[in-house]
Amino acid sequence: MRFRNATLAITRMKLVAWIIRIVLFALLFVLALRNTADASLQLFFNAVWRAPLILILFVAFGLGAVAALASIAPGLMRQRMEVARLRRALGEAQKPLAAAAADRDGSKGVPYNVVGPKV
């Protein structure tokens, strides 16, 4: 019963997420349709970029997203390297434990389901 309720909650959350996405898309689409007038962007060295306002807004948004991703990339890489190092250390720490358990059982690494005499 508990599993069914959790599945139902996840399905509802996915539905709400899709509704939010559709509403956001519709709002951005209407924004794009209403801002088609030409605008000029004054750049460095007296350069001027003339384009529809919505294009300038979308480019600014895209550059902001790229800058945000570039700012968090070093931290993510550092965390991934640390996780890989810890996994290697865990694997190396578990090897002696597995060998000690096999010695304690007296099987010397032979699986328990092998048919025949142990040599």
PDB file of N, CA and C in Angstrom:
ATOM      1  N   MET A   1       0.821  -1.187   0.000  1.00  0.00           N
ATOM      2  CA  MET A   1       0.000   0.000   0.000  1.00  0.00           C
ATOM      3  C   MET A   1       0.869   1.256   0.000  1.00  0.00           C
ATOM      4  N   ARG A   2       1.938   1.211   0.796  1.00  0.00           N
ATOM      5  CA  ARG A   2       2.833   2.356   0.886  1.00  0.00           C
ATOM      6  C   ARG A   2       3.530   2.600  -0.445  1.00  0.00           C
ATOM      7  N   PHE A   3       3.940   1.519  -1.127  1.00  0.00           N
ATOM      8  CA  PHE A   3       4.611   1.647  -2.418  1.00  0.00           C
ATOM      9  C   PHE A   3       3.679   2.268  -3.452  1.00  0.00           C
ATOM     10  N   ARG A   4       2.426   1.889  -3.433  1.00  0.00           N
ATOM     11  CA  ARG A   4       1.453   2.425  -4.382  1.00  0.00           C
ATOM     12  C   ARG A   4       1.264   3.918  -4.161  1.00  0.00           C
ATOM     13  N   ASN A   5       1.206   4.358  -2.906  1.00  0.00           N
ATOM     14  CA  ASN A   5       1.058   5.779  -2.612  1.00  0.00           C
ATOM     15  C   ASN A   5       2.282   6.566  -3.062  1.00  0.00           C
ATOM     16  N   ALA A   6       3.461   5.987  -2.898  1.00  0.00           N
ATOM     17  CA  ALA A   6       4.681   6.662  -3.335  1.00  0.00           C
ATOM     18  C   ALA A   6       4.709   6.782  -4.854  1.00  0.00           C
ATOM     19  N   THR A   7       4.305   5.742  -5.547  1.00  0.00           N
ATOM     20  CA  THR A   7       4.263   5.784  -7.005  1.00  0.00           C
ATOM     21  C   THR A   7       3.254   6.819  -7.485  1.00  0.00           C
ATOM     22  N   LEU A   8       2.121   6.891  -6.823  1.00  0.00           N
ATOM     23  CA  LEU A   8       1.105   7.876  -7.175  1.00  0.00           C
ATOM     24  C   LEU A   8       1.619   9.298  -6.942  1.00  0.00           C
ATOM     25  N   ALA A   9       2.351   9.505  -5.861  1.00  0.00           N
ATOM     26  CA  ALA A   9       2.907  10.832  -5.571  1.00  0.00           C
ATOM     27  C   ALA A   9       3.939  11.229  -6.620  1.00  0.00           C
ATOM     28  N   ILE A  10       4.764  10.279  -7.045  1.00  0.00           N
ATOM     29  CA  ILE A  10       5.769  10.569  -8.067  1.00  0.00           C
ATOM     30  C   ILE A  10       5.086  10.909  -9.386  1.00  0.00           C
ATOM     31  N   THR A  11       4.034  10.176  -9.730  1.00  0.00           N
ATOM     32  CA  THR A  11       3.297  10.460 -10.961  1.00  0.00           C
ATOM     33  C   THR A  11       2.682  11.849 -10.920  1.00  0.00           C
ATOM     34  N   ARG A  12       2.137  12.241  -9.781  1.00  0.00           N
ATOM     35  CA  ARG A  12       1.565  13.581  -9.642  1.00  0.00           C
ATOM     36  C   ARG A  12       2.632  14.655  -9.755  1.00  0.00           C
ATOM     37  N   MET A  13       3.800  14.394  -9.165  1.00  0.00           N
ATOM     38  CA  MET A  13       4.888  15.370  -9.248  1.00  0.00           C
ATOM     39  C   MET A  13       5.340  15.539 -10.694  1.00  0.00           C
ATOM     40  N   LYS A  14       5.412  14.445 -11.449  1.00  0.00           N
ATOM     41  CA  LYS A  14       5.793  14.537 -12.858  1.00  0.00           C
ATOM     42  C   LYS A  14       4.757  15.331 -13.641  1.00  0.00           C
ATOM     43  N   LEU A  15       3.488  15.129 -13.330  1.00  0.00           N
ATOM     44  CA  LEU A  15       2.426  15.871 -14.003  1.00  0.00           C
ATOM     45  C   LEU A  15       2.543  17.368 -13.704  1.00  0.00           C
ATOM     46  N   VAL A  16       2.791  17.709 -12.448  1.00  0.00           N
ATOM     47  CA  VAL A  16       2.950  19.116 -12.069  1.00  0.00           C
ATOM     48  C   VAL A  16       4.172  19.714 -12.767  1.00  0.00           C
ATOM     49  N   ALA A  17       5.248  18.965 -12.858  1.00  0.00           N
ATOM     50  CA  ALA A  17       6.451  19.456 -13.535  1.00  0.00           C
ATOM     51  C   ALA A  17       6.169  19.728 -15.010  1.00  0.00           C
ATOM     52  N   TRP A  18       5.430  18.846 -15.662  1.00  0.00           N
ATOM     53  CA  TRP A  18       5.102  19.065 -17.073  1.00  0.00           C
ATOM     54  C   TRP A  18       4.181  20.263 -17.253  1.00  0.00           C
ATOM     55  N   ILE A  19       3.247  20.449 -16.350  1.00  0.00           N
ATOM     56  CA  ILE A  19       2.363  21.616 -16.427  1.00  0.00           C
ATOM     57  C   ILE A  19       3.174  22.898 -16.292  1.00  0.00           C
ATOM     58  N   ILE A  20       4.119  22.923 -15.362  1.00  0.00           N
ATOM     59  CA  ILE A  20       4.975  24.099 -15.185  1.00  0.00           C
ATOM     60  C   ILE A  20       5.805  24.349 -16.436  1.00  0.00           C
ATOM     61  N   ARG A  21       6.337  23.299 -17.041  1.00  0.00           N
ATOM     62  CA  ARG A  21       7.125  23.456 -18.267  1.00  0.00           C
ATOM     63  C   ARG A  21       6.288  24.040 -19.403  1.00  0.00           C
ATOM     64  N   ILE A  22       5.066  23.537 -19.551  1.00  0.00           N
ATOM     65  CA  ILE A  22       4.198  24.026 -20.621  1.00  0.00           C
ATOM     66  C   ILE A  22       3.841  25.490 -20.407  1.00  0.00           C
ATOM     67  N   VAL A  23       3.519  25.859 -19.169  1.00  0.00           N
ATOM     68  CA  VAL A  23       3.189  27.249 -18.874  1.00  0.00           C
ATOM     69  C   VAL A  23       4.395  28.150 -19.122  1.00  0.00           C
ATOM     70  N   LEU A  24       5.571  27.719 -18.690  1.00  0.00           N
ATOM     71  CA  LEU A  24       6.789  28.508 -18.906  1.00  0.00           C
ATOM     72  C   LEU A  24       7.079  28.678 -20.397  1.00  0.00           C
ATOM     73  N   PHE A  25       6.916  27.606 -21.178  1.00  0.00           N
ATOM     74  CA  PHE A  25       7.120  27.693 -22.617  1.00  0.00           C
ATOM     75  C   PHE A  25       6.136  28.673 -23.252  1.00  0.00           C
ATOM     76  N   ALA A  26       4.872  28.600 -22.843  1.00  0.00           N
ATOM     77  CA  ALA A  26       3.867  29.502 -23.401  1.00  0.00           C
ATOM     78  C   ALA A  26       4.192  30.952 -23.066  1.00  0.00           C
ATOM     79  N   LEU A  27       4.616  31.213 -21.832  1.00  0.00           N
ATOM     80  CA  LEU A  27       4.980  32.580 -21.449  1.00  0.00           C
ATOM     81  C   LEU A  27       6.171  33.096 -22.254  1.00  0.00           C
ATOM     82  N   LEU A  28       7.170  32.271 -22.432  1.00  0.00           N
ATOM     83  CA  LEU A  28       8.342  32.689 -23.209  1.00  0.00           C
ATOM     84  C   LEU A  28       7.987  32.876 -24.685  1.00  0.00           C
ATOM     85  N   PHE A  29       7.096  32.054 -25.191  1.00  0.00           N
ATOM     86  CA  PHE A  29       6.680  32.183 -26.586  1.00  0.00           C
ATOM     87  C   PHE A  29       5.932  33.498 -26.805  1.00  0.00           C
ATOM     88  N   VAL A  30       5.033  33.821 -25.883  1.00  0.00           N
ATOM     89  CA  VAL A  30       4.298  35.086 -25.985  1.00  0.00           C
ATOM     90  C   VAL A  30       5.261  36.258 -25.841  1.00  0.00           C
ATOM     91  N   LEU A  31       6.230  36.152 -24.938  1.00  0.00           N
ATOM     92  CA  LEU A  31       7.241  37.197 -24.773  1.00  0.00           C
ATOM     93  C   LEU A  31       8.011  37.403 -26.079  1.00  0.00           C
ATOM     94  N   ALA A  32       8.356  36.310 -26.739  1.00  0.00           N
ATOM     95  CA  ALA A  32       9.094  36.411 -27.994  1.00  0.00           C
ATOM     96  C   ALA A  32       8.244  37.071 -29.078  1.00  0.00           C
ATOM     97  N   LEU A  33       6.969  36.751 -29.128  1.00  0.00           N
ATOM     98  CA  LEU A  33       6.102  37.346 -30.141  1.00  0.00           C
ATOM     99  C   LEU A  33       5.874  38.834 -29.902  1.00  0.00           C
ATOM    100  N   ARG A  34       5.876  39.250 -28.660  1.00  0.00           N
ATOM    101  CA  ARG A  34       5.591  40.648 -28.351  1.00  0.00           C
ATOM    102  C   ARG A  34       6.831  41.542 -28.443  1.00  0.00           C
ATOM    103  N   ASN A  35       8.010  40.966 -28.484  1.00  0.00           N
ATOM    104  CA  ASN A  35       9.250  41.756 -28.498  1.00  0.00           C
ATOM    105  C   ASN A  35      10.044  41.509 -29.776  1.00  0.00           C
ATOM    106  N   THR A  36       9.434  41.760 -30.897  1.00  0.00           N
ATOM    107  CA  THR A  36      10.131  41.559 -32.162  1.00  0.00           C
ATOM    108  C   THR A  36      10.706  42.854 -32.722  1.00  0.00           C
ATOM    109  N   ALA A  37      10.531  43.955 -32.025  1.00  0.00           N
ATOM    110  CA  ALA A  37      11.056  45.234 -32.508  1.00  0.00           C
ATOM    111  C   ALA A  37      12.580  45.221 -32.471  1.00  0.00           C
ATOM    112  N   ASP A  38      13.187  45.939 -33.389  1.00  0.00           N
ATOM    113  CA  ASP A  38      14.650  45.999 -33.419  1.00  0.00           C
ATOM    114  C   ASP A  38      15.176  46.809 -32.244  1.00  0.00           C
ATOM    115  N   ALA A  39      16.281  46.330 -31.732  1.00  0.00           N
ATOM    116  CA  ALA A  39      16.966  47.027 -30.648  1.00  0.00           C
ATOM    117  C   ALA A  39      18.443  47.049 -30.999  1.00  0.00           C
ATOM    118  N   SER A  40      19.144  48.015 -30.461  1.00  0.00           N
ATOM    119  CA  SER A  40      20.589  48.079 -30.727  1.00  0.00           C
ATOM    120  C   SER A  40      21.330  47.917 -29.420  1.00  0.00           C
ATOM    121  N   LEU A  41      22.364  47.131 -29.481  1.00  0.00           N
ATOM    122  CA  LEU A  41      23.202  46.867 -28.318  1.00  0.00           C
ATOM    123  C   LEU A  41      24.567  47.501 -28.588  1.00  0.00           C
ATOM    124  N   GLN A  42      24.947  48.432 -27.723  1.00  0.00           N
ATOM    125  CA  GLN A  42      26.223  49.122 -27.874  1.00  0.00           C
ATOM    126  C   GLN A  42      27.324  48.247 -27.277  1.00  0.00           C
ATOM    127  N   LEU A  43      28.229  47.791 -28.112  1.00  0.00           N
ATOM    128  CA  LEU A  43      29.332  46.930 -27.674  1.00  0.00           C
ATOM    129  C   LEU A  43      30.601  47.764 -27.525  1.00  0.00           C
ATOM    130  N   PHE A  44      31.699  47.110 -27.256  1.00  0.00           N
ATOM    131  CA  PHE A  44      32.983  47.798 -27.109  1.00  0.00           C
ATOM    132  C   PHE A  44      33.496  48.280 -28.464  1.00  0.00           C
ATOM    133  N   PHE A  45      34.365  49.261 -28.459  1.00  0.00           N
ATOM    134  CA  PHE A  45      35.017  49.809 -29.649  1.00  0.00           C
ATOM    135  C   PHE A  45      34.003  50.343 -30.653  1.00  0.00           C
ATOM    136  N   ASN A  46      32.953  50.973 -30.160  1.00  0.00           N
ATOM    137  CA  ASN A  46      31.904  51.595 -30.970  1.00  0.00           C
ATOM    138  C   ASN A  46      31.184  50.616 -31.897  1.00  0.00           C
ATOM    139  N   ALA A  47      31.184  49.367 -31.567  1.00  0.00           N
ATOM    140  CA  ALA A  47      30.449  48.373 -32.350  1.00  0.00           C
ATOM    141  C   ALA A  47      28.997  48.366 -31.886  1.00  0.00           C
ATOM    142  N   VAL A  48      28.089  48.183 -32.821  1.00  0.00           N
ATOM    143  CA  VAL A  48      26.664  48.167 -32.522  1.00  0.00           C
ATOM    144  C   VAL A  48      26.066  46.904 -33.122  1.00  0.00           C
ATOM    145  N   TRP A  49      25.275  46.218 -32.310  1.00  0.00           N
ATOM    146  CA  TRP A  49      24.588  45.016 -32.783  1.00  0.00           C
ATOM    147  C   TRP A  49      23.098  45.328 -32.834  1.00  0.00           C
ATOM    148  N   ARG A  50      22.522  45.273 -34.003  1.00  0.00           N
ATOM    149  CA  ARG A  50      21.096  45.520 -34.175  1.00  0.00           C
ATOM    150  C   ARG A  50      20.406  44.177 -34.414  1.00  0.00           C
ATOM    151  N   ALA A  51      19.451  43.872 -33.560  1.00  0.00           N
ATOM    152  CA  ALA A  51      18.734  42.603 -33.654  1.00  0.00           C
ATOM    153  C   ALA A  51      17.389  42.762 -32.935  1.00  0.00           C
ATOM    154  N   PRO A  52      16.480  41.825 -33.149  1.00  0.00           N
ATOM    155  CA  PRO A  52      15.228  41.866 -32.377  1.00  0.00           C
ATOM    156  C   PRO A  52      15.530  41.758 -30.876  1.00  0.00           C
ATOM    157  N   LEU A  53      14.726  42.454 -30.082  1.00  0.00           N
ATOM    158  CA  LEU A  53      14.969  42.493 -28.639  1.00  0.00           C
ATOM    159  C   LEU A  53      14.963  41.109 -28.016  1.00  0.00           C
ATOM    160  N   ILE A  54      14.054  40.250 -28.458  1.00  0.00           N
ATOM    161  CA  ILE A  54      13.972  38.921 -27.864  1.00  0.00           C
ATOM    162  C   ILE A  54      15.225  38.106 -28.148  1.00  0.00           C
ATOM    163  N   LEU A  55      15.825  38.308 -29.326  1.00  0.00           N
ATOM    164  CA  LEU A  55      17.070  37.608 -29.633  1.00  0.00           C
ATOM    165  C   LEU A  55      18.187  38.062 -28.702  1.00  0.00           C
ATOM    166  N   ILE A  56      18.243  39.342 -28.449  1.00  0.00           N
ATOM    167  CA  ILE A  56      19.262  39.864 -27.521  1.00  0.00           C
ATOM    168  C   ILE A  56      19.033  39.314 -26.119  1.00  0.00           C
ATOM    169  N   LEU A  57      17.762  39.229 -25.701  1.00  0.00           N
ATOM    170  CA  LEU A  57      17.455  38.673 -24.376  1.00  0.00           C
ATOM    171  C   LEU A  57      17.837  37.198 -24.278  1.00  0.00           C
ATOM    172  N   PHE A  58      17.525  36.423 -25.309  1.00  0.00           N
ATOM    173  CA  PHE A  58      17.857  35.001 -25.283  1.00  0.00           C
ATOM    174  C   PHE A  58      19.370  34.768 -25.299  1.00  0.00           C
ATOM    175  N   VAL A  59      20.093  35.572 -26.065  1.00  0.00           N
ATOM    176  CA  VAL A  59      21.554  35.448 -26.076  1.00  0.00           C
ATOM    177  C   VAL A  59      22.122  35.782 -24.696  1.00  0.00           C
ATOM    178  N   ALA A  60      21.589  36.838 -24.069  1.00  0.00           N
ATOM    179  CA  ALA A  60      22.054  37.195 -22.726  1.00  0.00           C
ATOM    180  C   ALA A  60      21.750  36.083 -21.729  1.00  0.00           C
ATOM    181  N   PHE A  61      20.571  35.480 -21.846  1.00  0.00           N
ATOM    182  CA  PHE A  61      20.215  34.365 -20.971  1.00  0.00           C
ATOM    183  C   PHE A  61      21.148  33.173 -21.194  1.00  0.00           C
ATOM    184  N   GLY A  62      21.406  32.855 -22.451  1.00  0.00           N
ATOM    185  CA  GLY A  62      22.306  31.737 -22.765  1.00  0.00           C
ATOM    186  C   GLY A  62      23.715  31.961 -22.247  1.00  0.00           C
ATOM    187  N   LEU A  63      24.227  33.192 -22.419  1.00  0.00           N
ATOM    188  CA  LEU A  63      25.563  33.494 -21.894  1.00  0.00           C
ATOM    189  C   LEU A  63      25.596  33.392 -20.378  1.00  0.00           C
ATOM    190  N   GLY A  64      24.520  33.798 -19.727  1.00  0.00           N
ATOM    191  CA  GLY A  64      24.449  33.669 -18.275  1.00  0.00           C
ATOM    192  C   GLY A  64      24.447  32.219 -17.832  1.00  0.00           C
ATOM    193  N   ALA A  65      23.724  31.374 -18.562  1.00  0.00           N
ATOM    194  CA  ALA A  65      23.694  29.942 -18.230  1.00  0.00           C
ATOM    195  C   ALA A  65      25.065  29.304 -18.428  1.00  0.00           C
ATOM    196  N   VAL A  66      25.747  29.667 -19.513  1.00  0.00           N
ATOM    197  CA  VAL A  66      27.096  29.135 -19.756  1.00  0.00           C
ATOM    198  C   VAL A  66      28.059  29.601 -18.666  1.00  0.00           C
ATOM    199  N   ALA A  67      27.953  30.860 -18.257  1.00  0.00           N
ATOM    200  CA  ALA A  67      28.817  31.375 -17.197  1.00  0.00           C
ATOM    201  C   ALA A  67      28.548  30.656 -15.877  1.00  0.00           C
ATOM    202  N   ALA A  68      27.281  30.359 -15.588  1.00  0.00           N
ATOM    203  CA  ALA A  68      26.943  29.642 -14.357  1.00  0.00           C
ATOM    204  C   ALA A  68      27.515  28.231 -14.370  1.00  0.00           C
ATOM    205  N   LEU A  69      27.391  27.547 -15.496  1.00  0.00           N
ATOM    206  CA  LEU A  69      27.942  26.188 -15.596  1.00  0.00           C
ATOM    207  C   LEU A  69      29.462  26.197 -15.488  1.00  0.00           C
ATOM    208  N   ALA A  70      30.090  27.200 -16.094  1.00  0.00           N
ATOM    209  CA  ALA A  70      31.552  27.287 -16.019  1.00  0.00           C
ATOM    210  C   ALA A  70      32.014  27.576 -14.591  1.00  0.00           C
ATOM    211  N   SER A  71      31.199  28.273 -13.831  1.00  0.00           N
ATOM    212  CA  SER A  71      31.614  28.597 -12.466  1.00  0.00           C
ATOM    213  C   SER A  71      31.496  27.406 -11.521  1.00  0.00           C
ATOM    214  N   ILE A  72      30.587  26.458 -11.799  1.00  0.00           N
ATOM    215  CA  ILE A  72      30.458  25.306 -10.910  1.00  0.00           C
ATOM    216  C   ILE A  72      31.246  24.092 -11.393  1.00  0.00           C
ATOM    217  N   ALA A  73      31.792  24.139 -12.600  1.00  0.00           N
ATOM    218  CA  ALA A  73      32.517  22.984 -13.158  1.00  0.00           C
ATOM    219  C   ALA A  73      33.728  22.569 -12.317  1.00  0.00           C
ATOM    220  N   PRO A  74      34.577  23.486 -11.843  1.00  0.00           N
ATOM    221  CA  PRO A  74      35.733  23.032 -11.057  1.00  0.00           C
ATOM    222  C   PRO A  74      35.335  22.293  -9.776  1.00  0.00           C
ATOM    223  N   GLY A  75      34.303  22.760  -9.107  1.00  0.00           N
ATOM    224  CA  GLY A  75      33.852  22.075  -7.894  1.00  0.00           C
ATOM    225  C   GLY A  75      33.313  20.688  -8.184  1.00  0.00           C
ATOM    226  N   LEU A  76      32.559  20.550  -9.274  1.00  0.00           N
ATOM    227  CA  LEU A  76      32.036  19.242  -9.647  1.00  0.00           C
ATOM    228  C   LEU A  76      33.158  18.269  -9.996  1.00  0.00           C
ATOM    229  N   MET A  77      34.157  18.755 -10.729  1.00  0.00           N
ATOM    230  CA  MET A  77      35.276  17.882 -11.089  1.00  0.00           C
ATOM    231  C   MET A  77      36.043  17.442  -9.845  1.00  0.00           C
ATOM    232  N   ARG A  78      36.227  18.366  -8.920  1.00  0.00           N
ATOM    233  CA  ARG A  78      36.919  18.037  -7.673  1.00  0.00           C
ATOM    234  C   ARG A  78      36.137  16.975  -6.896  1.00  0.00           C
ATOM    235  N   GLN A  79      34.827  17.108  -6.840  1.00  0.00           N
ATOM    236  CA  GLN A  79      34.013  16.124  -6.132  1.00  0.00           C
ATOM    237  C   GLN A  79      34.064  14.766  -6.815  1.00  0.00           C
ATOM    238  N   ARG A  80      34.020  14.734  -8.135  1.00  0.00           N
ATOM    239  CA  ARG A  80      34.091  13.451  -8.845  1.00  0.00           C
ATOM    240  C   ARG A  80      35.421  12.759  -8.624  1.00  0.00           C
ATOM    241  N   MET A  81      36.492  13.523  -8.612  1.00  0.00           N
ATOM    242  CA  MET A  81      37.809  12.929  -8.360  1.00  0.00           C
ATOM    243  C   MET A  81      37.880  12.384  -6.943  1.00  0.00           C
ATOM    244  N   GLU A  82      37.303  13.089  -5.978  1.00  0.00           N
ATOM    245  CA  GLU A  82      37.305  12.629  -4.592  1.00  0.00           C
ATOM    246  C   GLU A  82      36.467  11.360  -4.435  1.00  0.00           C
ATOM    247  N   VAL A  83      35.332  11.293  -5.096  1.00  0.00           N
ATOM    248  CA  VAL A  83      34.489  10.097  -5.035  1.00  0.00           C
ATOM    249  C   VAL A  83      35.229   8.903  -5.637  1.00  0.00           C
ATOM    250  N   ALA A  84      35.907   9.098  -6.758  1.00  0.00           N
ATOM    251  CA  ALA A  84      36.661   7.998  -7.375  1.00  0.00           C
ATOM    252  C   ALA A  84      37.782   7.532  -6.453  1.00  0.00           C
ATOM    253  N   ARG A  85      38.469   8.477  -5.814  1.00  0.00           N
ATOM    254  CA  ARG A  85      39.542   8.109  -4.886  1.00  0.00           C
ATOM    255  C   ARG A  85      38.992   7.323  -3.698  1.00  0.00           C
ATOM    256  N   LEU A  86      37.867   7.751  -3.157  1.00  0.00           N
ATOM    257  CA  LEU A  86      37.273   7.054  -2.017  1.00  0.00           C
ATOM    258  C   LEU A  86      36.768   5.669  -2.399  1.00  0.00           C
ATOM    259  N   ARG A  87      36.242   5.518  -3.616  1.00  0.00           N
ATOM    260  CA  ARG A  87      35.799   4.189  -4.063  1.00  0.00           C
ATOM    261  C   ARG A  87      36.980   3.236  -4.203  1.00  0.00           C
ATOM    262  N   ARG A  88      38.091   3.737  -4.746  1.00  0.00           N
ATOM    263  CA  ARG A  88      39.292   2.897  -4.839  1.00  0.00           C
ATOM    264  C   ARG A  88      39.767   2.493  -3.447  1.00  0.00           C
ATOM    265  N   ALA A  89      39.765   3.435  -2.511  1.00  0.00           N
ATOM    266  CA  ALA A  89      40.213   3.133  -1.146  1.00  0.00           C
ATOM    267  C   ALA A  89      39.278   2.123  -0.489  1.00  0.00           C
ATOM    268  N   LEU A  90      37.982   2.237  -0.737  1.00  0.00           N
ATOM    269  CA  LEU A  90      37.032   1.284  -0.176  1.00  0.00           C
ATOM    270  C   LEU A  90      37.263  -0.112  -0.747  1.00  0.00           C
ATOM    271  N   GLY A  91      37.497  -0.199  -2.059  1.00  0.00           N
ATOM    272  CA  GLY A  91      37.767  -1.496  -2.669  1.00  0.00           C
ATOM    273  C   GLY A  91      39.028  -2.140  -2.114  1.00  0.00           C
ATOM    274  N   GLU A  92      40.069  -1.331  -1.907  1.00  0.00           N
ATOM    275  CA  GLU A  92      41.312  -1.866  -1.353  1.00  0.00           C
ATOM    276  C   GLU A  92      41.137  -2.266   0.103  1.00  0.00           C
ATOM    277  N   ALA A  93      40.290  -1.579   0.840  1.00  0.00           N
ATOM    278  CA  ALA A  93      40.058  -1.916   2.242  1.00  0.00           C
ATOM    279  C   ALA A  93      39.217  -3.177   2.382  1.00  0.00           C
ATOM    280  N   GLN A  94      38.376  -3.466   1.419  1.00  0.00           N
ATOM    281  CA  GLN A  94      37.517  -4.643   1.491  1.00  0.00           C
ATOM    282  C   GLN A  94      38.239  -5.921   1.093  1.00  0.00           C
ATOM    283  N   LYS A  95      39.330  -5.824   0.325  1.00  0.00           N
ATOM    284  CA  LYS A  95      40.070  -7.024  -0.092  1.00  0.00           C
ATOM    285  C   LYS A  95      40.609  -7.815   1.100  1.00  0.00           C
ATOM    286  N   PRO A  96      41.291  -7.184   2.069  1.00  0.00           N
ATOM    287  CA  PRO A  96      41.775  -7.963   3.220  1.00  0.00           C
ATOM    288  C   PRO A  96      40.637  -8.552   4.048  1.00  0.00           C
ATOM    289  N   LEU A  97      39.507  -7.870   4.137  1.00  0.00           N
ATOM    290  CA  LEU A  97      38.372  -8.396   4.884  1.00  0.00           C
ATOM    291  C   LEU A  97      37.817  -9.641   4.224  1.00  0.00           C
ATOM    292  N   ALA A  98      37.744  -9.643   2.897  1.00  0.00           N
ATOM    293  CA  ALA A  98      37.249 -10.822   2.185  1.00  0.00           C
ATOM    294  C   ALA A  98      38.218 -11.993   2.340  1.00  0.00           C
ATOM    295  N   ALA A  99      39.516 -11.696   2.301  1.00  0.00           N
ATOM    296  CA  ALA A  99      40.510 -12.762   2.470  1.00  0.00           C
ATOM    297  C   ALA A  99      40.454 -13.319   3.886  1.00  0.00           C
ATOM    298  N   ALA A 100      40.273 -12.461   4.884  1.00  0.00           N
ATOM    299  CA  ALA A 100      40.188 -12.925   6.271  1.00  0.00           C
ATOM    300  C   ALA A 100      38.933 -13.764   6.482  1.00  0.00           C
ATOM    301  N   ALA A 101      37.846 -13.421   5.877  1.00  0.00           N
ATOM    302  CA  ALA A 101      36.613 -14.202   6.002  1.00  0.00           C
ATOM    303  C   ALA A 101      36.771 -15.567   5.347  1.00  0.00           C
ATOM    304  N   ALA A 102      37.467 -15.614   4.218  1.00  0.00           N
ATOM    305  CA  ALA A 102      37.690 -16.897   3.544  1.00  0.00           C
ATOM    306  C   ALA A 102      38.604 -17.782   4.380  1.00  0.00           C
ATOM    307  N   ASP A 103      39.624 -17.203   5.002  1.00  0.00           N
ATOM    308  CA  ASP A 103      40.522 -17.991   5.849  1.00  0.00           C
ATOM    309  C   ASP A 103      39.798 -18.498   7.090  1.00  0.00           C
ATOM    310  N   ARG A 104      38.907 -17.680   7.622  1.00  0.00           N
ATOM    311  CA  ARG A 104      38.180 -18.066   8.826  1.00  0.00           C
ATOM    312  C   ARG A 104      37.246 -19.228   8.510  1.00  0.00           C
ATOM    313  N   ASP A 105      36.677 -19.252   7.313  1.00  0.00           N
ATOM    314  CA  ASP A 105      35.789 -20.347   6.922  1.00  0.00           C
ATOM    315  C   ASP A 105      36.583 -21.606   6.622  1.00  0.00           C
ATOM    316  N   GLY A 106      37.854 -21.470   6.355  1.00  0.00           N
ATOM    317  CA  GLY A 106      38.681 -22.622   6.058  1.00  0.00           C
ATOM    318  C   GLY A 106      38.594 -23.057   4.613  1.00  0.00           C
ATOM    319  N   SER A 107      37.963 -22.273   3.790  1.00  0.00           N
ATOM    320  CA  SER A 107      37.774 -22.700   2.410  1.00  0.00           C
ATOM    321  C   SER A 107      38.918 -22.239   1.517  1.00  0.00           C
ATOM    322  N   LYS A 108      39.729 -21.344   1.983  1.00  0.00           N
ATOM    323  CA  LYS A 108      40.886 -20.841   1.226  1.00  0.00           C
ATOM    324  C   LYS A 108      40.474 -20.296  -0.139  1.00  0.00           C
ATOM    325  N   GLY A 109      39.346 -19.616  -0.207  1.00  0.00           N
ATOM    326  CA  GLY A 109      38.939 -18.981  -1.444  1.00  0.00           C
ATOM    327  C   GLY A 109      38.166 -19.876  -2.387  1.00  0.00           C
ATOM    328  N   VAL A 110      37.888 -21.133  -1.996  1.00  0.00           N
ATOM    329  CA  VAL A 110      37.131 -22.039  -2.844  1.00  0.00           C
ATOM    330  C   VAL A 110      35.653 -21.803  -2.561  1.00  0.00           C
ATOM    331  N   PRO A 111      34.843 -21.654  -3.585  1.00  0.00           N
ATOM    332  CA  PRO A 111      33.408 -21.441  -3.353  1.00  0.00           C
ATOM    333  C   PRO A 111      32.784 -22.623  -2.640  1.00  0.00           C
ATOM    334  N   TYR A 112      31.759 -22.382  -1.849  1.00  0.00           N
ATOM    335  CA  TYR A 112      31.131 -23.420  -1.042  1.00  0.00           C
ATOM    336  C   TYR A 112      30.366 -24.442  -1.872  1.00  0.00           C
ATOM    337  N   ASN A 113      30.049 -24.121  -3.111  1.00  0.00           N
ATOM    338  CA  ASN A 113      29.235 -25.037  -3.891  1.00  0.00           C
ATOM    339  C   ASN A 113      30.043 -25.873  -4.886  1.00  0.00           C
ATOM    340  N   VAL A 114      31.347 -25.941  -4.719  1.00  0.00           N
ATOM    341  CA  VAL A 114      32.174 -26.745  -5.623  1.00  0.00           C
ATOM    342  C   VAL A 114      32.076 -28.201  -5.200  1.00  0.00           C
ATOM    343  N   VAL A 115      31.812 -29.047  -6.179  1.00  0.00           N
ATOM    344  CA  VAL A 115      31.679 -30.473  -5.904  1.00  0.00           C
ATOM    345  C   VAL A 115      33.054 -31.117  -6.020  1.00  0.00           C
ATOM    346  N   GLY A 116      33.393 -31.974  -5.088  1.00  0.00           N
ATOM    347  CA  GLY A 116      34.650 -32.689  -5.138  1.00  0.00           C
ATOM    348  C   GLY A 116      35.524 -32.359  -3.949  1.00  0.00           C
ATOM    349  N   PRO A 117      36.653 -33.081  -3.837  1.00  0.00           N
ATOM    350  CA  PRO A 117      37.528 -32.864  -2.675  1.00  0.00           C
ATOM    351  C   PRO A 117      38.274 -31.544  -2.814  1.00  0.00           C
ATOM    352  N   LYS A 118      38.557 -30.953  -1.671  1.00  0.00           N
ATOM    353  CA  LYS A 118      39.337 -29.711  -1.646  1.00  0.00           C
ATOM    354  C   LYS A 118      40.811 -30.083  -1.526  1.00  0.00           C
ATOM    355  N   VAL A 119      41.608 -29.617  -2.425  1.00  0.00           N
ATOM    356  CA  VAL A 119      43.019 -29.977  -2.470  1.00  0.00           C
ATOM    357  C   VAL A 119      43.846 -28.904  -1.842  1.00  0.00           C
TER     358      VAL A 119
END
